């Protein structure tokens, strides 16, 4: 339920928060906040494309929600920045894996 999603999220238990959000969506798929919570958990788990997808689904349900709009824009900007950074890192270190490039970008 919503309470456990919030509790897990604020306790930094993001995998549990994600599972709770998925259950919320399963039970009430027309509620945009379930998708928002799912996206937020995906972000904390560094699964950015999945977060973007969740925010997009939430925006389909509530296109005027200001928080979802803000989160959607932020994840788009982050993915664009990561893509550029990944391209730059790949040129510097073509044998490096994506995780190593992400860690380098975060520093």
N, C-alpha and C. Protein backbone atom coordinates (compact mmCIF):
# COMPACT_ATOMS: atom_id res chain seq x y z
N UNK A 1 0.82 -1.19 0.00
CA UNK A 1 0.00 0.00 0.00
C UNK A 1 0.86 1.25 0.00
N UNK A 2 0.22 2.40 -0.07
CA UNK A 2 0.96 3.66 -0.17
C UNK A 2 1.89 3.86 1.01
N UNK A 3 1.44 3.52 2.23
CA UNK A 3 2.26 3.72 3.42
C UNK A 3 3.56 2.93 3.35
N UNK A 4 3.49 1.69 2.91
CA UNK A 4 4.72 0.89 2.84
C UNK A 4 5.64 1.38 1.73
N UNK A 5 5.08 1.89 0.64
CA UNK A 5 5.92 2.44 -0.43
C UNK A 5 6.74 3.60 0.14
N UNK A 6 6.05 4.52 0.81
CA UNK A 6 6.73 5.67 1.39
C UNK A 6 7.74 5.24 2.44
N UNK A 7 7.35 4.33 3.32
CA UNK A 7 8.24 3.89 4.39
C UNK A 7 9.51 3.28 3.83
N UNK A 8 9.37 2.37 2.88
CA UNK A 8 10.55 1.74 2.29
C UNK A 8 11.43 2.77 1.59
N UNK A 9 10.80 3.70 0.89
CA UNK A 9 11.56 4.72 0.17
C UNK A 9 12.39 5.56 1.14
N UNK A 10 11.75 6.03 2.20
CA UNK A 10 12.46 6.90 3.14
C UNK A 10 13.44 6.14 4.01
N UNK A 11 13.32 4.83 4.07
CA UNK A 11 14.30 4.01 4.78
C UNK A 11 15.42 3.53 3.86
N UNK A 12 15.44 4.06 2.65
CA UNK A 12 16.44 3.69 1.64
C UNK A 12 16.34 2.22 1.25
N UNK A 13 15.18 1.63 1.38
CA UNK A 13 14.94 0.25 0.97
C UNK A 13 14.27 0.31 -0.41
N UNK A 14 15.07 0.68 -1.41
CA UNK A 14 14.51 1.00 -2.72
C UNK A 14 13.98 -0.22 -3.47
N UNK A 15 14.62 -1.37 -3.29
CA UNK A 15 14.11 -2.58 -3.96
C UNK A 15 12.72 -2.93 -3.41
N UNK A 16 12.55 -2.79 -2.09
CA UNK A 16 11.26 -3.06 -1.49
C UNK A 16 10.24 -2.00 -1.91
N UNK A 17 10.68 -0.76 -2.00
CA UNK A 17 9.80 0.32 -2.45
C UNK A 17 9.33 0.05 -3.88
N UNK A 18 10.24 -0.43 -4.71
CA UNK A 18 9.88 -0.75 -6.10
C UNK A 18 8.84 -1.86 -6.14
N UNK A 19 9.03 -2.90 -5.34
CA UNK A 19 8.07 -4.00 -5.32
C UNK A 19 6.70 -3.51 -4.83
N UNK A 20 6.71 -2.64 -3.82
CA UNK A 20 5.44 -2.10 -3.33
C UNK A 20 4.75 -1.25 -4.40
N UNK A 21 5.54 -0.46 -5.13
CA UNK A 21 4.96 0.38 -6.19
C UNK A 21 4.36 -0.50 -7.29
N UNK A 22 5.06 -1.58 -7.64
CA UNK A 22 4.54 -2.49 -8.66
C UNK A 22 3.21 -3.11 -8.21
N UNK A 23 3.13 -3.46 -6.95
CA UNK A 23 1.89 -4.03 -6.42
C UNK A 23 0.78 -2.98 -6.44
N UNK A 24 1.14 -1.75 -6.11
CA UNK A 24 0.17 -0.66 -6.15
C UNK A 24 -0.38 -0.49 -7.57
N UNK A 25 0.50 -0.53 -8.55
CA UNK A 25 0.08 -0.40 -9.95
C UNK A 25 -0.80 -1.58 -10.35
N UNK A 26 -0.43 -2.75 -9.88
CA UNK A 26 -1.24 -3.94 -10.19
C UNK A 26 -2.66 -3.79 -9.64
N UNK A 27 -2.78 -3.23 -8.45
CA UNK A 27 -4.08 -3.10 -7.81
C UNK A 27 -4.88 -1.90 -8.31
N UNK A 28 -4.18 -0.84 -8.70
CA UNK A 28 -4.86 0.39 -9.12
C UNK A 28 -4.06 1.03 -10.25
N UNK A 29 -4.16 0.46 -11.42
CA UNK A 29 -3.32 0.87 -12.55
C UNK A 29 -3.66 2.26 -13.10
N UNK A 30 -4.78 2.82 -12.69
CA UNK A 30 -5.14 4.15 -13.19
C UNK A 30 -4.66 5.27 -12.27
N UNK A 31 -3.97 4.94 -11.18
CA UNK A 31 -3.49 5.95 -10.23
C UNK A 31 -2.08 6.36 -10.59
N UNK A 32 -1.92 7.59 -10.99
CA UNK A 32 -0.63 8.08 -11.49
C UNK A 32 0.49 8.05 -10.46
N UNK A 33 0.15 8.17 -9.20
CA UNK A 33 1.19 8.22 -8.17
C UNK A 33 1.89 6.88 -7.99
N UNK A 34 1.22 5.79 -8.33
CA UNK A 34 1.90 4.49 -8.30
C UNK A 34 3.07 4.47 -9.27
N UNK A 35 2.83 5.01 -10.46
CA UNK A 35 3.90 5.08 -11.46
C UNK A 35 4.99 6.06 -11.04
N UNK A 36 4.59 7.14 -10.38
CA UNK A 36 5.58 8.10 -9.90
C UNK A 36 6.48 7.44 -8.85
N UNK A 37 5.89 6.72 -7.92
CA UNK A 37 6.68 6.03 -6.89
C UNK A 37 7.58 4.96 -7.51
N UNK A 38 7.06 4.27 -8.52
CA UNK A 38 7.86 3.27 -9.21
C UNK A 38 9.07 3.94 -9.86
N UNK A 39 8.84 5.05 -10.54
CA UNK A 39 9.94 5.77 -11.18
C UNK A 39 10.97 6.26 -10.19
N UNK A 40 10.51 6.77 -9.06
CA UNK A 40 11.44 7.25 -8.05
C UNK A 40 12.31 6.11 -7.50
N UNK A 41 11.71 4.95 -7.29
CA UNK A 41 12.48 3.80 -6.82
C UNK A 41 13.49 3.37 -7.89
N UNK A 42 13.04 3.32 -9.16
CA UNK A 42 13.97 2.97 -10.23
C UNK A 42 15.15 3.94 -10.28
N UNK A 43 14.88 5.22 -10.09
CA UNK A 43 15.97 6.20 -10.10
C UNK A 43 16.98 5.89 -9.00
N UNK A 44 16.49 5.62 -7.81
CA UNK A 44 17.40 5.33 -6.69
C UNK A 44 18.19 4.05 -6.93
N UNK A 45 17.63 3.16 -7.71
CA UNK A 45 18.33 1.91 -8.07
C UNK A 45 19.19 2.08 -9.31
N UNK A 46 19.33 3.32 -9.79
CA UNK A 46 20.14 3.68 -10.96
C UNK A 46 19.63 3.03 -12.25
N UNK A 47 18.34 2.76 -12.30
CA UNK A 47 17.72 2.18 -13.49
C UNK A 47 16.95 3.29 -14.20
N UNK A 48 17.70 4.18 -14.81
CA UNK A 48 17.13 5.41 -15.35
C UNK A 48 16.17 5.23 -16.52
N UNK A 49 16.45 4.36 -17.47
CA UNK A 49 15.46 4.17 -18.56
C UNK A 49 14.12 3.65 -18.03
N UNK A 50 14.18 2.77 -17.02
CA UNK A 50 12.95 2.26 -16.44
C UNK A 50 12.20 3.37 -15.70
N UNK A 51 12.95 4.26 -15.03
CA UNK A 51 12.33 5.39 -14.35
C UNK A 51 11.61 6.29 -15.35
N UNK A 52 12.28 6.55 -16.47
CA UNK A 52 11.67 7.39 -17.51
C UNK A 52 10.36 6.76 -17.99
N UNK A 53 10.37 5.47 -18.21
CA UNK A 53 9.17 4.76 -18.66
C UNK A 53 8.04 4.86 -17.63
N UNK A 54 8.38 4.72 -16.35
CA UNK A 54 7.36 4.83 -15.30
C UNK A 54 6.77 6.23 -15.25
N UNK A 55 7.61 7.24 -15.34
CA UNK A 55 7.11 8.62 -15.32
C UNK A 55 6.20 8.88 -16.53
N UNK A 56 6.59 8.34 -17.68
CA UNK A 56 5.77 8.52 -18.88
C UNK A 56 4.39 7.88 -18.70
N UNK A 57 4.36 6.70 -18.10
CA UNK A 57 3.07 6.04 -17.85
C UNK A 57 2.23 6.84 -16.86
N UNK A 58 2.88 7.41 -15.86
CA UNK A 58 2.16 8.25 -14.91
C UNK A 58 1.59 9.49 -15.58
N UNK A 59 2.37 10.08 -16.48
CA UNK A 59 1.90 11.27 -17.20
C UNK A 59 0.75 10.95 -18.14
N UNK A 60 0.68 9.72 -18.62
CA UNK A 60 -0.49 9.32 -19.43
C UNK A 60 -1.76 9.37 -18.59
N UNK A 61 -1.63 9.05 -17.30
CA UNK A 61 -2.78 9.04 -16.40
C UNK A 61 -3.12 10.44 -15.89
N UNK A 62 -2.08 11.26 -15.71
CA UNK A 62 -2.27 12.61 -15.14
C UNK A 62 -1.31 13.58 -15.83
N UNK A 63 -1.63 14.00 -17.06
CA UNK A 63 -0.70 14.82 -17.84
C UNK A 63 -0.38 16.19 -17.25
N UNK A 64 -1.18 16.65 -16.31
CA UNK A 64 -0.95 17.98 -15.73
C UNK A 64 -0.26 17.92 -14.37
N UNK A 65 0.08 16.73 -13.88
CA UNK A 65 0.67 16.62 -12.55
C UNK A 65 2.06 17.29 -12.54
N UNK A 66 2.23 18.35 -11.76
CA UNK A 66 3.48 19.11 -11.81
C UNK A 66 4.70 18.32 -11.33
N UNK A 67 4.50 17.43 -10.37
CA UNK A 67 5.63 16.64 -9.88
C UNK A 67 6.09 15.66 -10.95
N UNK A 68 5.16 14.99 -11.60
CA UNK A 68 5.53 14.06 -12.67
C UNK A 68 6.18 14.78 -13.84
N UNK A 69 5.67 15.95 -14.16
CA UNK A 69 6.27 16.74 -15.25
C UNK A 69 7.72 17.06 -14.90
N UNK A 70 7.94 17.51 -13.66
CA UNK A 70 9.28 17.86 -13.21
C UNK A 70 10.21 16.64 -13.22
N UNK A 71 9.72 15.52 -12.69
CA UNK A 71 10.52 14.30 -12.66
C UNK A 71 10.83 13.81 -14.07
N UNK A 72 9.85 13.89 -14.97
CA UNK A 72 10.07 13.47 -16.36
C UNK A 72 11.13 14.31 -17.05
N UNK A 73 11.08 15.62 -16.84
CA UNK A 73 12.09 16.49 -17.44
C UNK A 73 13.47 16.22 -16.87
N UNK A 74 13.52 16.04 -15.54
CA UNK A 74 14.81 15.79 -14.89
C UNK A 74 15.45 14.49 -15.38
N UNK A 75 14.64 13.44 -15.54
CA UNK A 75 15.22 12.16 -15.99
C UNK A 75 15.65 12.25 -17.45
N UNK A 76 14.91 13.01 -18.26
CA UNK A 76 15.34 13.21 -19.65
C UNK A 76 16.68 13.93 -19.70
N UNK A 77 16.84 14.96 -18.88
CA UNK A 77 18.11 15.69 -18.85
C UNK A 77 19.25 14.79 -18.37
N UNK A 78 18.97 14.00 -17.33
CA UNK A 78 19.99 13.09 -16.81
C UNK A 78 20.40 12.07 -17.86
N UNK A 79 19.43 11.49 -18.54
CA UNK A 79 19.76 10.50 -19.57
C UNK A 79 20.54 11.12 -20.71
N UNK A 80 20.19 12.34 -21.09
CA UNK A 80 20.95 13.04 -22.13
C UNK A 80 22.38 13.28 -21.68
N UNK A 81 22.55 13.71 -20.43
CA UNK A 81 23.88 13.97 -19.90
C UNK A 81 24.69 12.69 -19.81
N UNK A 82 24.06 11.62 -19.33
CA UNK A 82 24.75 10.33 -19.24
C UNK A 82 25.16 9.83 -20.62
N UNK A 83 24.30 10.04 -21.60
CA UNK A 83 24.60 9.59 -22.96
C UNK A 83 25.83 10.32 -23.49
N UNK A 84 25.87 11.63 -23.29
CA UNK A 84 27.04 12.40 -23.73
C UNK A 84 28.28 11.98 -22.97
N UNK A 85 28.15 11.82 -21.67
CA UNK A 85 29.28 11.41 -20.85
C UNK A 85 29.76 10.02 -21.24
N UNK A 86 28.81 9.13 -21.52
CA UNK A 86 29.16 7.77 -21.93
C UNK A 86 29.93 7.79 -23.25
N UNK A 87 29.49 8.62 -24.16
CA UNK A 87 30.18 8.72 -25.45
C UNK A 87 31.59 9.25 -25.26
N UNK A 88 31.74 10.26 -24.40
CA UNK A 88 33.06 10.80 -24.14
C UNK A 88 33.95 9.77 -23.47
N UNK A 89 33.41 9.06 -22.47
CA UNK A 89 34.18 8.03 -21.77
C UNK A 89 34.54 6.88 -22.69
N UNK A 90 33.62 6.50 -23.54
CA UNK A 90 33.88 5.40 -24.47
C UNK A 90 35.04 5.76 -25.39
N UNK A 91 35.12 7.01 -25.77
CA UNK A 91 36.23 7.44 -26.63
C UNK A 91 37.54 7.38 -25.86
N UNK A 92 37.49 7.73 -24.55
CA UNK A 92 38.70 7.69 -23.71
C UNK A 92 39.07 6.26 -23.32
N UNK A 93 38.06 5.41 -23.13
CA UNK A 93 38.29 4.06 -22.62
C UNK A 93 37.31 3.10 -23.30
N UNK A 94 37.56 2.74 -24.54
CA UNK A 94 36.60 1.91 -25.27
C UNK A 94 36.37 0.53 -24.66
N UNK A 95 37.30 0.06 -23.84
CA UNK A 95 37.13 -1.27 -23.23
C UNK A 95 36.38 -1.20 -21.90
N UNK A 96 36.12 -0.01 -21.38
CA UNK A 96 35.45 0.14 -20.09
C UNK A 96 33.99 -0.26 -20.16
N UNK A 97 33.49 -0.78 -19.07
CA UNK A 97 32.08 -1.16 -19.04
C UNK A 97 31.22 0.04 -18.65
N UNK A 98 29.91 -0.07 -18.84
CA UNK A 98 28.99 1.04 -18.59
C UNK A 98 28.98 1.44 -17.11
N UNK A 99 29.08 0.48 -16.21
CA UNK A 99 29.07 0.79 -14.80
C UNK A 99 30.27 1.65 -14.43
N UNK A 100 31.43 1.29 -14.94
CA UNK A 100 32.65 2.07 -14.66
C UNK A 100 32.50 3.49 -15.19
N UNK A 101 31.90 3.64 -16.36
CA UNK A 101 31.70 4.98 -16.91
C UNK A 101 30.71 5.77 -16.07
N UNK A 102 29.68 5.10 -15.54
CA UNK A 102 28.72 5.78 -14.67
C UNK A 102 29.40 6.27 -13.40
N UNK A 103 30.24 5.42 -12.81
CA UNK A 103 30.97 5.81 -11.60
C UNK A 103 31.88 6.99 -11.90
N UNK A 104 32.56 6.95 -13.02
CA UNK A 104 33.44 8.07 -13.41
C UNK A 104 32.62 9.35 -13.58
N UNK A 105 31.44 9.23 -14.21
CA UNK A 105 30.60 10.39 -14.40
C UNK A 105 30.13 10.96 -13.08
N UNK A 106 29.82 10.09 -12.11
CA UNK A 106 29.32 10.55 -10.82
C UNK A 106 30.36 11.28 -10.00
N UNK A 107 31.64 11.01 -10.26
CA UNK A 107 32.72 11.68 -9.51
C UNK A 107 32.83 13.06 -10.00
